[in-house]
């Protein structure tokens, strides 16, 4: 049953990314181009995601178990440290250079979109390197 919940959530997330234009690297780069042809439409997509996430976290804090029966384990750290800032900078650089973040990259890969064929393997290598060299410290 948990697999069904995961598939439904993944399909809904992927459709939302497609509908919001998050799988188009040029749309993302247009959003990040503040001094050129800035495209603010992704701000609305992100605002909608933040609103939904805020409600979801608010509801999750009031429950001990998820709707599928699993435990809810929310993060408790509020520290803004070097690791958080460096990770945010790396994420932002990858987003700006590639025009993808992980979710939209996987959606684009599933459709055979050329740039995702390069981005996703590079992202996976970065994740592997983090787990191999940084997370072990």
N, C-alpha and C. Protein backbone atom coordinates (compact mmCIF):
# COMPACT_ATOMS: atom_id res chain seq x y z
N UNK A 1 0.82 -1.20 0.00
CA UNK A 1 0.00 0.00 0.00
C UNK A 1 0.86 1.26 0.00
N UNK A 2 2.01 1.23 0.72
CA UNK A 2 2.89 2.40 0.74
C UNK A 2 3.41 2.72 -0.65
N UNK A 3 3.66 1.68 -1.45
CA UNK A 3 4.15 1.90 -2.81
C UNK A 3 3.10 2.64 -3.64
N UNK A 4 1.84 2.35 -3.43
CA UNK A 4 0.76 3.03 -4.16
C UNK A 4 0.74 4.51 -3.78
N UNK A 5 0.85 4.80 -2.48
CA UNK A 5 0.91 6.20 -2.03
C UNK A 5 2.10 6.92 -2.67
N UNK A 6 3.23 6.25 -2.72
CA UNK A 6 4.44 6.86 -3.30
C UNK A 6 4.26 7.14 -4.78
N UNK A 7 3.68 6.21 -5.51
CA UNK A 7 3.47 6.40 -6.95
C UNK A 7 2.48 7.54 -7.20
N UNK A 8 1.38 7.56 -6.46
CA UNK A 8 0.39 8.63 -6.63
C UNK A 8 1.01 9.99 -6.31
N UNK A 9 1.74 10.07 -5.21
CA UNK A 9 2.38 11.34 -4.84
C UNK A 9 3.41 11.75 -5.89
N UNK A 10 4.19 10.81 -6.39
CA UNK A 10 5.19 11.12 -7.41
C UNK A 10 4.58 11.59 -8.71
N UNK A 11 3.50 10.95 -9.14
CA UNK A 11 2.82 11.36 -10.37
C UNK A 11 2.22 12.75 -10.20
N UNK A 12 1.58 13.01 -9.07
CA UNK A 12 1.02 14.34 -8.83
C UNK A 12 2.11 15.41 -8.80
N UNK A 13 3.23 15.10 -8.15
CA UNK A 13 4.35 16.04 -8.09
C UNK A 13 4.89 16.30 -9.49
N UNK A 14 5.09 15.24 -10.26
CA UNK A 14 5.60 15.38 -11.62
C UNK A 14 4.66 16.20 -12.51
N UNK A 15 3.36 15.95 -12.40
CA UNK A 15 2.40 16.72 -13.19
C UNK A 15 2.40 18.19 -12.77
N UNK A 16 2.55 18.44 -11.48
CA UNK A 16 2.65 19.82 -11.02
C UNK A 16 3.89 20.52 -11.56
N UNK A 17 5.01 19.80 -11.60
CA UNK A 17 6.23 20.38 -12.15
C UNK A 17 6.06 20.68 -13.64
N UNK A 18 5.42 19.78 -14.36
CA UNK A 18 5.17 20.00 -15.79
C UNK A 18 4.25 21.21 -15.99
N UNK A 19 3.16 21.24 -15.24
CA UNK A 19 2.19 22.33 -15.38
C UNK A 19 2.80 23.68 -15.03
N UNK A 20 3.71 23.70 -14.06
CA UNK A 20 4.32 24.94 -13.63
C UNK A 20 5.50 25.38 -14.47
N UNK A 21 5.90 24.58 -15.45
CA UNK A 21 7.01 24.94 -16.30
C UNK A 21 8.38 24.69 -15.69
N UNK A 22 8.43 23.98 -14.57
CA UNK A 22 9.70 23.75 -13.89
C UNK A 22 10.61 22.79 -14.63
N UNK A 23 10.12 22.09 -15.63
CA UNK A 23 10.95 21.15 -16.38
C UNK A 23 11.58 21.81 -17.61
N UNK A 24 11.33 23.09 -17.82
CA UNK A 24 11.91 23.83 -18.94
C UNK A 24 13.09 24.66 -18.42
N UNK A 25 14.33 24.25 -18.71
CA UNK A 25 15.49 24.98 -18.20
C UNK A 25 15.49 26.46 -18.60
N UNK A 26 14.97 26.79 -19.77
CA UNK A 26 14.96 28.19 -20.19
C UNK A 26 13.99 29.02 -19.34
N UNK A 27 12.92 28.41 -18.90
CA UNK A 27 11.97 29.09 -18.02
C UNK A 27 12.64 29.37 -16.68
N UNK A 28 13.36 28.38 -16.17
CA UNK A 28 14.07 28.55 -14.90
C UNK A 28 15.15 29.61 -15.04
N UNK A 29 15.93 29.55 -16.11
CA UNK A 29 16.98 30.54 -16.32
C UNK A 29 16.39 31.94 -16.50
N UNK A 30 15.22 32.04 -17.15
CA UNK A 30 14.54 33.33 -17.27
C UNK A 30 14.13 33.90 -15.92
N UNK A 31 13.76 33.01 -15.02
CA UNK A 31 13.41 33.45 -13.66
C UNK A 31 14.65 33.96 -12.92
N UNK A 32 15.78 33.33 -13.16
CA UNK A 32 17.01 33.72 -12.47
C UNK A 32 17.71 34.91 -13.12
N UNK A 33 17.28 35.31 -14.31
CA UNK A 33 17.89 36.43 -15.02
C UNK A 33 17.24 37.75 -14.57
N UNK A 34 17.66 38.24 -13.42
CA UNK A 34 17.04 39.42 -12.83
C UNK A 34 17.29 40.70 -13.63
N UNK A 35 18.39 40.77 -14.36
CA UNK A 35 18.74 41.99 -15.07
C UNK A 35 18.56 41.88 -16.58
N UNK A 36 17.93 40.83 -17.03
CA UNK A 36 17.68 40.64 -18.46
C UNK A 36 16.19 40.54 -18.69
N UNK A 37 15.78 39.43 -19.28
CA UNK A 37 14.36 39.21 -19.55
C UNK A 37 13.77 38.36 -18.42
N UNK A 38 13.63 38.98 -17.26
CA UNK A 38 13.18 38.28 -16.06
C UNK A 38 11.76 37.76 -16.25
N UNK A 39 11.56 36.50 -15.89
CA UNK A 39 10.24 35.85 -15.97
C UNK A 39 9.81 35.51 -14.56
N UNK A 40 8.90 36.28 -13.96
CA UNK A 40 8.51 36.06 -12.56
C UNK A 40 7.52 34.92 -12.35
N UNK A 41 7.09 34.23 -13.40
CA UNK A 41 6.03 33.24 -13.25
C UNK A 41 6.41 32.10 -12.30
N UNK A 42 7.69 31.73 -12.23
CA UNK A 42 8.07 30.65 -11.33
C UNK A 42 7.97 31.05 -9.87
N UNK A 43 7.97 32.35 -9.59
CA UNK A 43 7.75 32.80 -8.22
C UNK A 43 6.37 32.36 -7.74
N UNK A 44 5.40 32.39 -8.63
CA UNK A 44 4.05 31.94 -8.27
C UNK A 44 4.01 30.43 -8.05
N UNK A 45 4.75 29.69 -8.88
CA UNK A 45 4.83 28.24 -8.70
C UNK A 45 5.46 27.93 -7.34
N UNK A 46 6.57 28.61 -7.03
CA UNK A 46 7.24 28.38 -5.74
C UNK A 46 6.36 28.81 -4.58
N UNK A 47 5.68 29.95 -4.75
CA UNK A 47 4.77 30.40 -3.69
C UNK A 47 3.67 29.39 -3.42
N UNK A 48 3.11 28.81 -4.49
CA UNK A 48 2.10 27.76 -4.32
C UNK A 48 2.66 26.55 -3.62
N UNK A 49 3.89 26.16 -3.99
CA UNK A 49 4.53 25.02 -3.33
C UNK A 49 4.80 25.28 -1.86
N UNK A 50 5.23 26.49 -1.55
CA UNK A 50 5.49 26.85 -0.15
C UNK A 50 4.19 26.84 0.64
N UNK A 51 3.10 27.35 0.04
CA UNK A 51 1.81 27.36 0.74
C UNK A 51 1.33 25.94 1.03
N UNK A 52 1.41 25.07 0.04
CA UNK A 52 0.99 23.67 0.23
C UNK A 52 1.88 23.00 1.27
N UNK A 53 3.20 23.22 1.17
CA UNK A 53 4.13 22.63 2.12
C UNK A 53 3.90 23.11 3.54
N UNK A 54 3.60 24.40 3.69
CA UNK A 54 3.35 24.95 5.01
C UNK A 54 2.14 24.28 5.66
N UNK A 55 1.08 24.12 4.89
CA UNK A 55 -0.11 23.43 5.41
C UNK A 55 0.23 21.98 5.74
N UNK A 56 0.97 21.32 4.86
CA UNK A 56 1.34 19.92 5.10
C UNK A 56 2.17 19.75 6.36
N UNK A 57 3.17 20.62 6.57
CA UNK A 57 3.98 20.52 7.79
C UNK A 57 3.15 20.87 9.02
N UNK A 58 2.25 21.83 8.90
CA UNK A 58 1.40 22.20 10.03
C UNK A 58 0.53 21.00 10.44
N UNK A 59 -0.04 20.31 9.45
CA UNK A 59 -0.85 19.13 9.75
C UNK A 59 0.02 17.98 10.29
N UNK A 60 1.20 17.80 9.73
CA UNK A 60 2.07 16.70 10.15
C UNK A 60 2.52 16.87 11.60
N UNK A 61 2.72 18.11 12.04
CA UNK A 61 3.15 18.33 13.43
C UNK A 61 2.07 17.93 14.44
N UNK A 62 0.86 17.81 13.98
CA UNK A 62 -0.24 17.45 14.87
C UNK A 62 -0.57 15.97 14.85
N UNK A 63 0.22 15.21 14.12
CA UNK A 63 -0.01 13.77 14.00
C UNK A 63 1.22 13.01 14.44
N UNK A 64 1.02 11.78 14.85
CA UNK A 64 2.14 10.90 15.18
C UNK A 64 2.46 9.96 14.04
N UNK A 65 1.47 9.69 13.19
CA UNK A 65 1.66 8.77 12.08
C UNK A 65 1.14 9.40 10.79
N UNK A 66 1.75 8.99 9.68
CA UNK A 66 1.31 9.48 8.37
C UNK A 66 0.00 8.80 7.99
N UNK A 67 -0.58 9.26 6.89
CA UNK A 67 -1.83 8.65 6.44
C UNK A 67 -1.65 7.19 6.06
N UNK A 68 -0.42 6.81 5.68
CA UNK A 68 -0.15 5.41 5.34
C UNK A 68 0.23 4.59 6.56
N UNK A 69 0.29 5.22 7.74
CA UNK A 69 0.56 4.49 8.97
C UNK A 69 2.00 4.54 9.45
N UNK A 70 2.89 5.11 8.65
CA UNK A 70 4.30 5.20 9.04
C UNK A 70 4.54 6.34 10.02
N UNK A 71 5.64 6.28 10.74
CA UNK A 71 5.94 7.36 11.70
C UNK A 71 6.30 8.65 10.97
N UNK A 72 5.98 9.77 11.58
CA UNK A 72 6.34 11.08 11.05
C UNK A 72 7.58 11.55 11.80
N UNK A 73 8.64 11.80 11.06
CA UNK A 73 9.92 12.21 11.65
C UNK A 73 10.34 13.52 11.00
N UNK A 74 9.92 14.64 11.58
CA UNK A 74 10.25 15.96 11.01
C UNK A 74 11.59 16.44 11.54
N UNK A 75 12.33 17.19 10.73
CA UNK A 75 13.62 17.73 11.19
C UNK A 75 13.41 18.71 12.34
N UNK A 76 14.37 18.75 13.23
CA UNK A 76 14.27 19.64 14.39
C UNK A 76 15.33 20.73 14.40
N UNK A 77 16.36 20.60 13.59
CA UNK A 77 17.45 21.58 13.58
C UNK A 77 17.00 22.90 12.97
N UNK A 78 17.40 23.99 13.60
CA UNK A 78 17.15 25.33 13.06
C UNK A 78 18.45 26.08 12.83
N UNK A 79 19.58 25.36 12.89
CA UNK A 79 20.89 25.98 12.77
C UNK A 79 21.17 26.42 11.33
N UNK A 80 21.67 27.64 11.20
CA UNK A 80 22.16 28.13 9.92
C UNK A 80 23.68 28.10 10.01
N UNK A 81 24.29 27.06 9.43
CA UNK A 81 25.73 26.86 9.58
C UNK A 81 26.39 26.80 8.22
N UNK A 82 27.68 26.56 8.22
CA UNK A 82 28.47 26.53 6.99
C UNK A 82 27.96 25.45 6.03
N UNK A 83 27.62 24.29 6.56
CA UNK A 83 27.14 23.20 5.70
C UNK A 83 25.85 23.59 4.99
N UNK A 84 24.93 24.24 5.71
CA UNK A 84 23.67 24.66 5.11
C UNK A 84 23.93 25.72 4.03
N UNK A 85 24.75 26.71 4.33
CA UNK A 85 25.02 27.77 3.37
C UNK A 85 25.77 27.24 2.14
N UNK A 86 26.75 26.36 2.36
CA UNK A 86 27.49 25.79 1.23
C UNK A 86 26.57 24.92 0.37
N UNK A 87 25.73 24.13 1.01
CA UNK A 87 24.78 23.31 0.26
C UNK A 87 23.81 24.15 -0.54
N UNK A 88 23.32 25.23 0.06
CA UNK A 88 22.42 26.13 -0.66
C UNK A 88 23.11 26.78 -1.85
N UNK A 89 24.38 27.17 -1.67
CA UNK A 89 25.13 27.79 -2.76
C UNK A 89 25.36 26.79 -3.89
N UNK A 90 25.71 25.54 -3.55
CA UNK A 90 25.91 24.52 -4.58
C UNK A 90 24.60 24.20 -5.32
N UNK A 91 23.52 24.09 -4.56
CA UNK A 91 22.22 23.84 -5.16
C UNK A 91 21.86 24.98 -6.11
N UNK A 92 22.03 26.22 -5.66
CA UNK A 92 21.72 27.38 -6.49
C UNK A 92 22.58 27.46 -7.73
N UNK A 93 23.86 27.14 -7.59
CA UNK A 93 24.75 27.15 -8.76
C UNK A 93 24.32 26.09 -9.77
N UNK A 94 24.00 24.90 -9.30
CA UNK A 94 23.53 23.85 -10.20
C UNK A 94 22.22 24.22 -10.86
N UNK A 95 21.33 24.84 -10.10
CA UNK A 95 20.03 25.25 -10.64
C UNK A 95 20.24 26.32 -11.70
N UNK A 96 21.11 27.28 -11.43
CA UNK A 96 21.35 28.36 -12.37
C UNK A 96 22.07 27.91 -13.63
N UNK A 97 23.06 27.04 -13.48
CA UNK A 97 23.83 26.58 -14.63
C UNK A 97 23.06 25.58 -15.48
N UNK A 98 22.39 24.65 -14.81
CA UNK A 98 21.69 23.59 -15.54
C UNK A 98 20.24 23.89 -15.84
N UNK A 99 19.63 24.79 -15.06
CA UNK A 99 18.21 25.09 -15.25
C UNK A 99 17.29 24.03 -14.66
N UNK A 100 17.85 23.14 -13.86
CA UNK A 100 17.07 22.07 -13.24
C UNK A 100 17.34 22.03 -11.74
N UNK A 101 16.37 21.60 -10.98
CA UNK A 101 16.62 21.08 -9.64
C UNK A 101 16.24 19.59 -9.71
N UNK A 102 16.52 18.82 -8.67
CA UNK A 102 16.41 17.36 -8.81
C UNK A 102 15.07 16.83 -9.30
N UNK A 103 13.97 17.28 -8.75
CA UNK A 103 12.67 16.75 -9.18
C UNK A 103 12.38 16.99 -10.65
N UNK A 104 12.44 18.24 -11.11
CA UNK A 104 12.20 18.49 -12.53
C UNK A 104 13.21 17.80 -13.44
N UNK A 105 14.44 17.62 -12.98
CA UNK A 105 15.43 16.92 -13.80
C UNK A 105 15.00 15.48 -14.04
N UNK A 106 14.48 14.82 -13.01
CA UNK A 106 14.03 13.43 -13.17
C UNK A 106 12.79 13.35 -14.06
N UNK A 107 11.89 14.34 -13.92
CA UNK A 107 10.71 14.36 -14.80
C UNK A 107 11.16 14.55 -16.25
N UNK A 108 12.11 15.46 -16.47
CA UNK A 108 12.61 15.70 -17.83
C UNK A 108 13.35 14.49 -18.37
N UNK A 109 14.10 13.81 -17.52
CA UNK A 109 14.80 12.61 -17.94
C UNK A 109 13.82 11.54 -18.41
N UNK A 110 12.71 11.41 -17.69
CA UNK A 110 11.73 10.38 -18.05
C UNK A 110 11.11 10.63 -19.42
N UNK A 111 11.16 11.89 -19.88
CA UNK A 111 10.62 12.19 -21.20
C UNK A 111 11.71 12.19 -22.27
N UNK A 112 12.96 11.89 -21.86
CA UNK A 112 14.06 11.84 -22.82
C UNK A 112 14.59 13.19 -23.23
N UNK A 113 14.33 14.23 -22.44
CA UNK A 113 14.77 15.59 -22.75
C UNK A 113 16.30 15.66 -22.68
N UNK A 114 16.95 16.03 -23.79
CA UNK A 114 18.39 15.99 -23.94
C UNK A 114 19.21 16.55 -22.78
N UNK A 115 18.99 17.81 -22.36
CA UNK A 115 19.82 18.35 -21.28
C UNK A 115 19.74 17.55 -19.97
N UNK A 116 18.61 16.94 -19.72
CA UNK A 116 18.47 16.12 -18.51
C UNK A 116 19.34 14.87 -18.58
N UNK A 117 19.63 14.41 -19.81
CA UNK A 117 20.48 13.24 -19.97
C UNK A 117 21.91 13.52 -19.49
N UNK A 118 22.30 14.79 -19.44
CA UNK A 118 23.61 15.20 -18.92
C UNK A 118 23.51 15.60 -17.46
N UNK A 119 22.44 16.31 -17.13
CA UNK A 119 22.30 16.86 -15.78
C UNK A 119 22.14 15.77 -14.73
N UNK A 120 21.26 14.81 -14.98
CA UNK A 120 20.95 13.78 -13.98
C UNK A 120 22.19 12.95 -13.61
N UNK A 121 22.97 12.45 -14.57
CA UNK A 121 24.18 11.73 -14.16
C UNK A 121 25.14 12.60 -13.34
N UNK A 122 25.29 13.88 -13.72
CA UNK A 122 26.15 14.78 -12.95
C UNK A 122 25.61 14.96 -11.53
N UNK A 123 24.29 15.08 -11.42
CA UNK A 123 23.66 15.21 -10.11
C UNK A 123 23.90 13.95 -9.27
N UNK A 124 23.77 12.79 -9.88
CA UNK A 124 23.98 11.54 -9.16
C UNK A 124 25.43 11.39 -8.70
N UNK A 125 26.38 11.81 -9.53
CA UNK A 125 27.78 11.79 -9.13
C UNK A 125 28.00 12.72 -7.94
N UNK A 126 27.39 13.89 -7.97
CA UNK A 126 27.49 14.82 -6.85
C UNK A 126 26.90 14.24 -5.57
N UNK A 127 25.78 13.57 -5.68
CA UNK A 127 25.16 12.94 -4.51
C UNK A 127 26.04 11.82 -3.97
N UNK A 128 26.61 11.04 -4.88
CA UNK A 128 27.51 9.96 -4.47
C UNK A 128 28.73 10.54 -3.77
N UNK A 129 29.31 11.59 -4.34
CA UNK A 129 30.51 12.21 -3.75
C UNK A 129 30.20 12.76 -2.36
N UNK A 130 29.04 13.35 -2.20
CA UNK A 130 28.65 13.85 -0.87
C UNK A 130 28.57 12.70 0.12
N UNK A 131 27.88 11.64 -0.26
CA UNK A 131 27.75 10.49 0.66
C UNK A 131 29.10 9.83 0.94
N UNK A 132 29.95 9.80 -0.05
CA UNK A 132 31.25 9.12 0.10
C UNK A 132 32.24 9.95 0.91
N UNK A 133 32.28 11.26 0.68
CA UNK A 133 33.34 12.06 1.27
C UNK A 133 32.89 13.04 2.36
N UNK A 134 31.67 13.56 2.27
CA UNK A 134 31.23 14.57 3.22
C UNK A 134 30.40 13.97 4.35
N UNK A 135 29.43 13.15 4.01
CA UNK A 135 28.51 12.62 5.02
C UNK A 135 29.21 11.69 6.02
N UNK A 136 30.33 11.11 5.64
CA UNK A 136 31.04 10.19 6.54
C UNK A 136 31.81 10.90 7.63
N UNK A 137 32.08 12.21 7.44
CA UNK A 137 32.87 12.93 8.43
C UNK A 137 32.11 13.12 9.71
